[in-house]
Amino acid sequence: MDASEPRFSATGPQPESVPVADPRLLPTPDYGTLGPNPDIASGEPISVPARRFENLRRLAPFFAAAIGVLCAVLTANIGSARSKLESQFGNQSSHLVSAPSRLPVSAKDSGQLDRMKPQNQAEALLELAVARSDAGRSDGAVDQISSRVDRWQGKVQWDSQIATLTTAALNSSDLRVRESGIEVELAAYGLAKNSASLDYLLRTAESRDHAQKIWALWALGLMANRGVETGRVVQVLTAHLKDADEDSRRWAVEGLALTGSGEVLQPLLETMHDDSSPSVRERAACSLAESGMFTPEQRLAAVPQLLTYTDDPSLDSQTHLWAFQALSDITRQRLPNDSTAWRSWWQSTRD
């Protein structure tokens, strides 16, 4: 969406400071997949650049390398910096950095950050957070985002750069970087972390407008993760797992995964087992295994039930494979797709 366009268009009286969802907003997509099924399209034309990447984890090395190059050339000519990036990474660099001169060498350079506009602060800090995390180190970008994000409300616009960066952040292996992605996304959506925004999202989740509904299901997960009536949101999203259309059920799954609440593990497990749609079952499996906001300890709690799914005769072979893949991702074990082998290994860890 062009930054000059309003992010939200009014359709009636709204509570003060609560946005009206622009149907062009697309929830952040998958964090990789466990199976061959394609993503479910929303069925709506989306003019915002779609944040869909076949496997966003492949972008991580480009972020880390791009930051390294930028730090080395910050004092050189801007044109030279861009030519270096383009020669080293080709067209990939254009997806990562749109304005090399605005990036501080370190997130600890508060003075330089203070001289930047909120939009550029958000983009630069999130880019640094992703790159530093993928390089196995941190220089305070996450803390800077946390301390500044409330001041960005109404000043950060949704654009393709924010879209790319928040998606990359939500694919980070560092849970704190994922949290930073959530914070920036909420700011860019214009959603304050309060009851007025939450009530608006709850109403929108019941909308007959499909695009607005699935956006609200996603955004509810973002809000719940930041502690805004998490229990209430979990109840609402769990209820949407029974919706007639699979697209709504899929985004209810994604929203539940974002909450990071341990109480959603069982609904996700049941969805993986019982949902009529293979795509929804796959998203539930992926949420348990690697996407969303769960801690490693929370994911481990799903292992016993996943073990029963590996040879459950009521499940098809594809769901068996997703169960094996989820087990592998959660435990970091590379065992054959054999139920007996997995049960034996799991039991050995319990002894």
Protein backbone atom coordinates (compact mmCIF):
# COMPACT_ATOMS: atom_id res chain seq x y z
CA MET A 1 0.00 0.00 0.00
CA ASP A 2 1.24 3.43 -0.84
CA ALA A 3 2.24 5.32 2.29
CA SER A 4 0.13 8.26 1.19
CA GLU A 5 -3.03 6.19 1.29
CA PRO A 6 -4.97 5.88 4.54
CA ARG A 7 -4.41 2.53 6.20
CA PHE A 8 -8.01 2.32 7.33
CA SER A 9 -11.19 3.62 5.75
CA ALA A 10 -14.08 4.51 7.99
CA THR A 11 -17.31 2.56 7.53
CA GLY A 12 -19.19 4.01 10.45
CA PRO A 13 -18.70 5.46 13.93
CA GLN A 14 -15.78 3.84 15.73
CA PRO A 15 -14.35 4.23 19.24
CA GLU A 16 -11.67 6.88 19.43
CA SER A 17 -8.20 5.67 18.36
CA VAL A 18 -9.55 2.35 17.06
CA PRO A 19 -8.80 1.62 13.39
CA VAL A 20 -11.13 0.17 10.81
CA ALA A 21 -9.49 -2.77 9.08
CA ASP A 22 -8.45 -2.17 5.52
CA PRO A 23 -9.43 -5.36 3.63
CA ARG A 24 -6.16 -5.14 1.71
CA LEU A 25 -4.24 -6.05 4.86
CA LEU A 26 -3.03 -9.60 4.73
CA PRO A 27 -2.13 -11.46 7.90
CA THR A 28 1.46 -12.61 8.12
CA PRO A 29 1.65 -15.99 6.36
CA ASP A 30 3.25 -19.31 7.20
CA TYR A 31 6.55 -19.74 8.97
CA GLY A 32 7.55 -22.56 6.63
CA THR A 33 5.42 -25.66 6.14
CA LEU A 34 5.42 -29.28 7.20
CA GLY A 35 3.96 -30.59 4.01
CA PRO A 36 3.39 -30.10 0.27
CA ASN A 37 0.02 -28.37 0.46
CA PRO A 38 0.01 -24.81 -0.90
CA ASP A 39 -1.05 -21.91 1.28
CA ILE A 40 -4.73 -21.11 1.35
CA ALA A 41 -5.51 -17.92 -0.52
CA SER A 42 -7.93 -15.52 1.09
CA GLY A 43 -9.99 -15.27 -2.06
CA GLU A 44 -9.69 -11.48 -1.99
CA PRO A 45 -7.52 -9.29 -4.21
CA ILE A 46 -4.73 -7.92 -2.04
CA SER A 47 -2.91 -4.79 -3.14
CA VAL A 48 -0.47 -4.83 -0.24
CA PRO A 49 2.63 -6.77 -1.37
CA ALA A 50 1.81 -10.32 -0.27
CA ARG A 51 4.12 -11.47 2.51
CA ARG A 52 4.48 -14.95 1.13
CA PHE A 53 7.88 -16.58 0.83
CA GLU A 54 8.41 -20.22 -0.02
CA ASN A 55 10.77 -20.56 2.93
CA LEU A 56 11.63 -17.36 4.78
CA ARG A 57 14.41 -19.01 6.72
CA ARG A 58 16.44 -18.86 3.52
CA LEU A 59 16.40 -15.07 3.85
CA ALA A 60 18.21 -15.09 7.18
CA PRO A 61 21.76 -15.33 5.76
CA PHE A 62 21.02 -12.44 3.41
CA PHE A 63 19.90 -10.27 6.34
CA ALA A 64 23.02 -11.05 8.33
CA ALA A 65 25.36 -10.55 5.40
CA ALA A 66 23.63 -7.39 4.25
CA ILE A 67 23.99 -5.83 7.69
CA GLY A 68 27.67 -6.72 7.75
CA VAL A 69 28.25 -5.06 4.39
CA LEU A 70 26.26 -2.00 5.42
CA CYS A 71 28.21 -1.50 8.61
CA ALA A 72 31.42 -1.59 6.62
CA VAL A 73 30.34 1.01 4.11
CA LEU A 74 28.28 3.44 6.17
CA THR A 75 30.97 6.09 5.93
CA ALA A 76 31.44 5.56 2.19
CA ASN A 77 29.40 6.81 -0.70
CA ILE A 78 25.77 5.63 -0.59
CA GLY A 79 25.80 4.73 -4.23
CA SER A 80 28.89 2.59 -3.70
CA ALA A 81 27.18 0.82 -0.82
CA ARG A 82 24.18 -0.07 -2.92
CA SER A 83 26.32 -1.26 -5.82
CA LYS A 84 28.18 -3.57 -3.44
CA LEU A 85 24.93 -5.01 -2.16
CA GLU A 86 23.55 -5.50 -5.64
CA SER A 87 26.71 -7.12 -6.93
CA GLN A 88 26.89 -9.50 -3.96
CA PHE A 89 23.20 -10.38 -3.53
CA GLY A 90 21.58 -9.40 -6.80
CA ASN A 91 17.88 -8.57 -6.59
CA GLN A 92 17.62 -10.07 -3.09
CA SER A 93 19.15 -6.94 -1.59
CA SER A 94 16.27 -4.79 -2.79
CA HIS A 95 13.93 -6.82 -0.61
CA LEU A 96 16.06 -6.34 2.48
CA VAL A 97 17.29 -2.76 2.53
CA SER A 98 15.63 0.19 0.82
CA ALA A 99 17.74 2.99 2.31
CA PRO A 100 21.24 1.92 3.42
CA SER A 101 22.15 5.36 4.75
CA ARG A 102 19.51 5.26 7.46
CA LEU A 103 20.85 2.15 9.23
CA PRO A 104 22.85 2.83 12.39
CA VAL A 105 25.94 0.70 12.89
CA SER A 106 24.53 -0.41 16.23
CA ALA A 107 21.18 -0.27 17.96
CA LYS A 108 23.06 1.23 20.90
CA ASP A 109 23.56 4.43 18.90
CA SER A 110 20.54 6.17 20.49
CA GLY A 111 21.59 9.56 19.22
CA GLN A 112 21.44 8.51 15.60
CA LEU A 113 18.18 6.68 16.17
CA ASP A 114 16.64 9.77 17.77
CA ARG A 115 17.41 11.76 14.64
CA MET A 116 15.51 9.28 12.48
CA LYS A 117 11.79 9.34 11.78
CA PRO A 118 9.70 6.70 13.61
CA GLN A 119 9.15 4.79 10.37
CA ASN A 120 12.88 4.52 9.78
CA GLN A 121 13.54 3.72 13.43
CA ALA A 122 11.12 0.78 13.27
CA GLU A 123 12.54 -0.55 10.03
CA ALA A 124 16.20 -0.14 11.01
CA LEU A 125 15.82 -1.65 14.47
CA LEU A 126 13.79 -4.61 13.28
CA GLU A 127 16.29 -5.26 10.51
CA LEU A 128 19.14 -5.12 13.02
CA ALA A 129 17.27 -7.40 15.43
CA VAL A 130 16.75 -10.04 12.74
CA ALA A 131 20.31 -9.84 11.43
CA ARG A 132 21.98 -9.86 14.85
CA SER A 133 19.82 -12.77 15.97
CA ASP A 134 20.65 -14.83 12.91
CA ALA A 135 24.32 -14.05 13.47
CA GLY A 136 23.99 -15.39 17.04
CA ARG A 137 24.43 -12.10 18.86
CA SER A 138 22.44 -9.07 20.05
CA ASP A 139 23.34 -5.42 20.32
CA GLY A 140 20.16 -4.18 21.99
CA ALA A 141 17.84 -3.78 18.99
CA VAL A 142 15.09 -5.74 20.72
CA ASP A 143 15.34 -3.56 23.83
CA GLN A 144 15.29 -0.41 21.70
CA ILE A 145 12.11 -1.57 19.97
CA SER A 146 10.50 -2.33 23.32
CA SER A 147 11.34 1.12 24.69
CA ARG A 148 10.24 3.04 21.59
CA VAL A 149 7.25 1.15 20.20
CA ASP A 150 4.57 2.97 22.19
CA ARG A 151 5.83 6.25 20.72
CA TRP A 152 5.42 4.87 17.21
CA GLN A 153 1.64 4.60 17.42
CA GLY A 154 0.12 6.60 14.57
CA LYS A 155 3.57 7.36 13.15
CA VAL A 156 4.57 4.04 11.59
CA GLN A 157 2.89 3.24 8.30
CA TRP A 158 2.26 -0.19 6.82
CA ASP A 159 4.39 -0.65 3.70
CA SER A 160 6.24 -3.38 1.86
CA GLN A 161 9.42 -2.85 3.90
CA ILE A 162 7.61 -3.29 7.22
CA ALA A 163 5.77 -6.27 5.74
CA THR A 164 9.02 -7.98 4.76
CA LEU A 165 10.74 -7.22 8.06
CA THR A 166 7.90 -8.33 10.34
CA THR A 167 7.62 -11.59 8.41
CA ALA A 168 11.36 -12.17 8.77
CA ALA A 169 11.16 -11.36 12.48
CA LEU A 170 8.35 -13.87 12.99
CA ASN A 171 10.57 -16.47 11.36
CA SER A 172 13.48 -15.78 13.70
CA SER A 173 14.70 -18.56 15.96
CA ASP A 174 14.87 -16.00 18.77
CA LEU A 175 11.53 -15.65 20.56
CA ARG A 176 12.36 -12.08 21.60
CA VAL A 177 12.84 -11.08 17.97
CA ARG A 178 9.48 -12.66 17.15
CA GLU A 179 7.97 -10.54 19.93
CA SER A 180 9.57 -7.46 18.36
CA GLY A 181 7.93 -8.35 15.06
CA ILE A 182 4.57 -8.49 16.83
CA GLU A 183 5.13 -5.12 18.46
CA VAL A 184 6.04 -3.44 15.17
CA GLU A 185 3.16 -5.09 13.34
CA LEU A 186 0.63 -3.85 15.90
CA ALA A 187 2.07 -0.34 15.67
CA ALA A 188 1.90 -0.43 11.87
CA TYR A 189 -1.69 -1.68 12.02
CA GLY A 190 -2.52 1.26 14.29
CA LEU A 191 -3.69 -1.05 17.07
CA ALA A 192 -3.06 0.20 20.60
CA LYS A 193 -2.72 -2.53 23.21
CA ASN A 194 -5.94 -1.71 25.03
CA SER A 195 -9.52 -2.90 25.49
CA ALA A 196 -10.93 -0.53 22.84
CA SER A 197 -8.74 -2.06 20.12
CA LEU A 198 -9.52 -5.54 21.39
CA ASP A 199 -13.28 -4.95 21.34
CA TYR A 200 -12.97 -3.65 17.79
CA LEU A 201 -11.07 -6.76 16.69
CA LEU A 202 -13.59 -9.05 18.37
CA ARG A 203 -16.39 -7.38 16.39
CA THR A 204 -14.40 -7.54 13.16
CA ALA A 205 -13.72 -11.26 13.67
CA GLU A 206 -17.50 -11.74 13.26
CA SER A 207 -17.61 -9.64 10.08
CA ARG A 208 -19.21 -10.95 6.90
CA ASP A 209 -16.31 -9.37 5.03
CA HIS A 210 -13.98 -12.32 4.66
CA ALA A 211 -10.75 -10.34 4.31
CA GLN A 212 -11.48 -8.25 7.40
CA LYS A 213 -12.44 -11.34 9.37
CA ILE A 214 -9.24 -13.28 8.75
CA TRP A 215 -7.16 -10.18 9.41
CA ALA A 216 -8.93 -9.78 12.76
CA LEU A 217 -8.32 -13.43 13.67
CA TRP A 218 -4.62 -12.89 13.07
CA ALA A 219 -4.53 -9.54 14.88
CA LEU A 220 -6.33 -11.02 17.90
CA GLY A 221 -3.42 -13.43 18.28
CA LEU A 222 -0.99 -10.52 18.16
CA MET A 223 -2.91 -8.68 20.88
CA ALA A 224 -3.21 -11.73 23.11
CA ASN A 225 0.52 -12.33 22.90
CA ARG A 226 1.12 -8.87 24.32
CA GLY A 227 -1.11 -9.66 27.31
CA VAL A 228 -4.38 -8.01 26.24
CA GLU A 229 -7.08 -10.27 27.73
CA THR A 230 -5.31 -13.40 26.53
CA GLY A 231 -7.84 -15.80 28.05
CA ARG A 232 -10.78 -14.10 26.36
CA VAL A 233 -9.01 -14.09 23.00
CA VAL A 234 -8.16 -17.78 23.32
CA GLN A 235 -11.83 -18.61 23.88
CA VAL A 236 -12.90 -16.62 20.82
CA LEU A 237 -10.24 -18.06 18.52
CA THR A 238 -10.94 -21.59 19.74
CA ALA A 239 -14.61 -21.10 18.88
CA HIS A 240 -13.62 -20.12 15.34
CA LEU A 241 -11.96 -23.52 14.90
CA LYS A 242 -15.53 -24.72 14.29
CA ASP A 243 -16.26 -22.22 11.48
CA ALA A 244 -17.73 -23.68 8.32
CA ASP A 245 -15.08 -22.29 5.97
CA GLU A 246 -11.58 -23.72 6.20
CA ASP A 247 -9.90 -20.38 5.55
CA SER A 248 -11.33 -18.97 8.80
CA ARG A 249 -10.33 -22.11 10.68
CA ARG A 250 -6.80 -21.85 9.31
CA TRP A 251 -6.41 -18.24 10.49
CA ALA A 252 -7.91 -19.13 13.86
CA VAL A 253 -5.11 -21.70 14.12
CA GLU A 254 -2.51 -19.07 13.23
CA GLY A 255 -3.98 -16.66 15.78
CA LEU A 256 -3.95 -19.29 18.52
CA ALA A 257 -0.30 -20.08 17.79
CA LEU A 258 0.55 -16.40 18.16
CA THR A 259 -0.94 -16.19 21.66
CA GLY A 260 1.85 -18.34 23.08
CA SER A 261 -0.59 -19.62 25.70
CA GLY A 262 -0.14 -23.19 26.90
CA GLU A 263 -3.89 -23.69 27.01
CA VAL A 264 -4.13 -23.64 23.20
CA LEU A 265 -1.92 -26.71 22.71
CA GLN A 266 -4.83 -29.11 23.16
CA PRO A 267 -7.15 -27.30 20.70
CA LEU A 268 -4.32 -27.29 18.17
CA LEU A 269 -3.69 -31.00 18.69
CA GLU A 270 -7.40 -31.72 18.27
CA THR A 271 -7.48 -29.63 15.09
CA MET A 272 -4.49 -31.49 13.68
CA HIS A 273 -6.36 -34.75 14.34
CA ASP A 274 -9.94 -33.89 13.50
CA ASP A 275 -10.21 -31.05 10.99
CA SER A 276 -11.62 -32.06 7.63
CA SER A 277 -9.15 -29.87 5.72
CA PRO A 278 -5.59 -31.15 5.13
CA SER A 279 -4.38 -27.55 4.92
CA VAL A 280 -5.81 -26.68 8.33
CA ARG A 281 -4.38 -29.88 9.85
CA GLU A 282 -0.96 -28.99 8.43
CA ARG A 283 -1.10 -25.49 9.88
CA ALA A 284 -1.99 -26.90 13.29
CA ALA A 285 0.95 -29.30 13.08
CA CYS A 286 3.32 -26.53 12.02
CA SER A 287 2.08 -24.30 14.84
CA LEU A 288 2.89 -27.02 17.36
CA ALA A 289 6.27 -27.70 15.79
CA GLU A 290 7.91 -24.40 14.88
CA SER A 291 5.67 -21.43 14.13
CA GLY A 292 3.87 -19.19 16.57
CA MET A 293 5.12 -18.03 19.94
CA PHE A 294 5.51 -21.17 22.03
CA THR A 295 8.56 -21.89 24.15
CA PRO A 296 10.52 -25.11 23.61
CA GLU A 297 9.10 -26.43 26.89
CA GLN A 298 5.54 -25.81 25.73
CA ARG A 299 6.17 -27.59 22.45
CA LEU A 300 7.62 -30.59 24.28
CA ALA A 301 4.31 -30.95 26.12
CA ALA A 302 2.71 -31.89 22.77
CA VAL A 303 5.10 -34.79 22.15
CA PRO A 304 3.14 -37.60 23.89
CA GLN A 305 0.01 -36.93 21.82
CA LEU A 306 1.99 -36.48 18.63
CA LEU A 307 3.49 -39.91 19.24
CA THR A 308 0.00 -41.43 19.22
CA TYR A 309 -0.73 -39.67 15.93
CA THR A 310 2.21 -41.33 14.13
CA ASP A 311 0.34 -44.61 13.80
CA ASP A 312 -3.25 -43.64 14.59
CA PRO A 313 -5.31 -45.75 12.15
CA SER A 314 -7.98 -43.03 11.90
CA LEU A 315 -5.46 -40.60 10.35
CA ASP A 316 -4.21 -40.60 6.77
CA SER A 317 -0.59 -41.17 5.81
CA GLN A 318 0.05 -37.46 5.23
CA THR A 319 -1.00 -36.58 8.78
CA HIS A 320 1.23 -39.39 10.07
CA LEU A 321 4.12 -37.75 8.22
CA TRP A 322 3.26 -34.34 9.69
CA ALA A 323 3.32 -35.88 13.15
CA PHE A 324 6.79 -37.31 12.52
CA GLN A 325 8.01 -33.98 11.15
CA ALA A 326 6.59 -32.11 14.13
CA LEU A 327 8.35 -34.50 16.50
CA SER A 328 11.62 -33.97 14.68
CA ASP A 329 11.30 -30.19 14.73
CA ILE A 330 10.34 -30.07 18.41
CA THR A 331 12.97 -32.49 19.71
CA ARG A 332 15.74 -31.80 17.17
CA GLN A 333 16.07 -35.56 16.75
CA ARG A 334 16.54 -37.17 13.35
CA LEU A 335 14.94 -40.57 13.69
CA PRO A 336 13.31 -42.67 10.97
CA ASN A 337 9.56 -42.30 10.48
CA ASP A 338 8.94 -45.28 12.70
CA SER A 339 6.53 -45.08 15.64
CA THR A 340 8.35 -47.73 17.65
CA ALA A 341 11.69 -45.96 17.28
CA TRP A 342 10.23 -42.66 18.38
CA ARG A 343 8.42 -44.15 21.37
CA SER A 344 11.59 -45.95 22.43
CA TRP A 345 13.62 -42.76 22.22
CA TRP A 346 11.02 -40.73 24.11
CA GLN A 347 10.81 -43.32 26.86
CA SER A 348 14.60 -43.29 27.19
CA THR A 349 14.45 -39.55 27.89
CA ARG A 350 11.90 -40.15 30.65
CA ASP A 351 13.96 -42.79 32.50
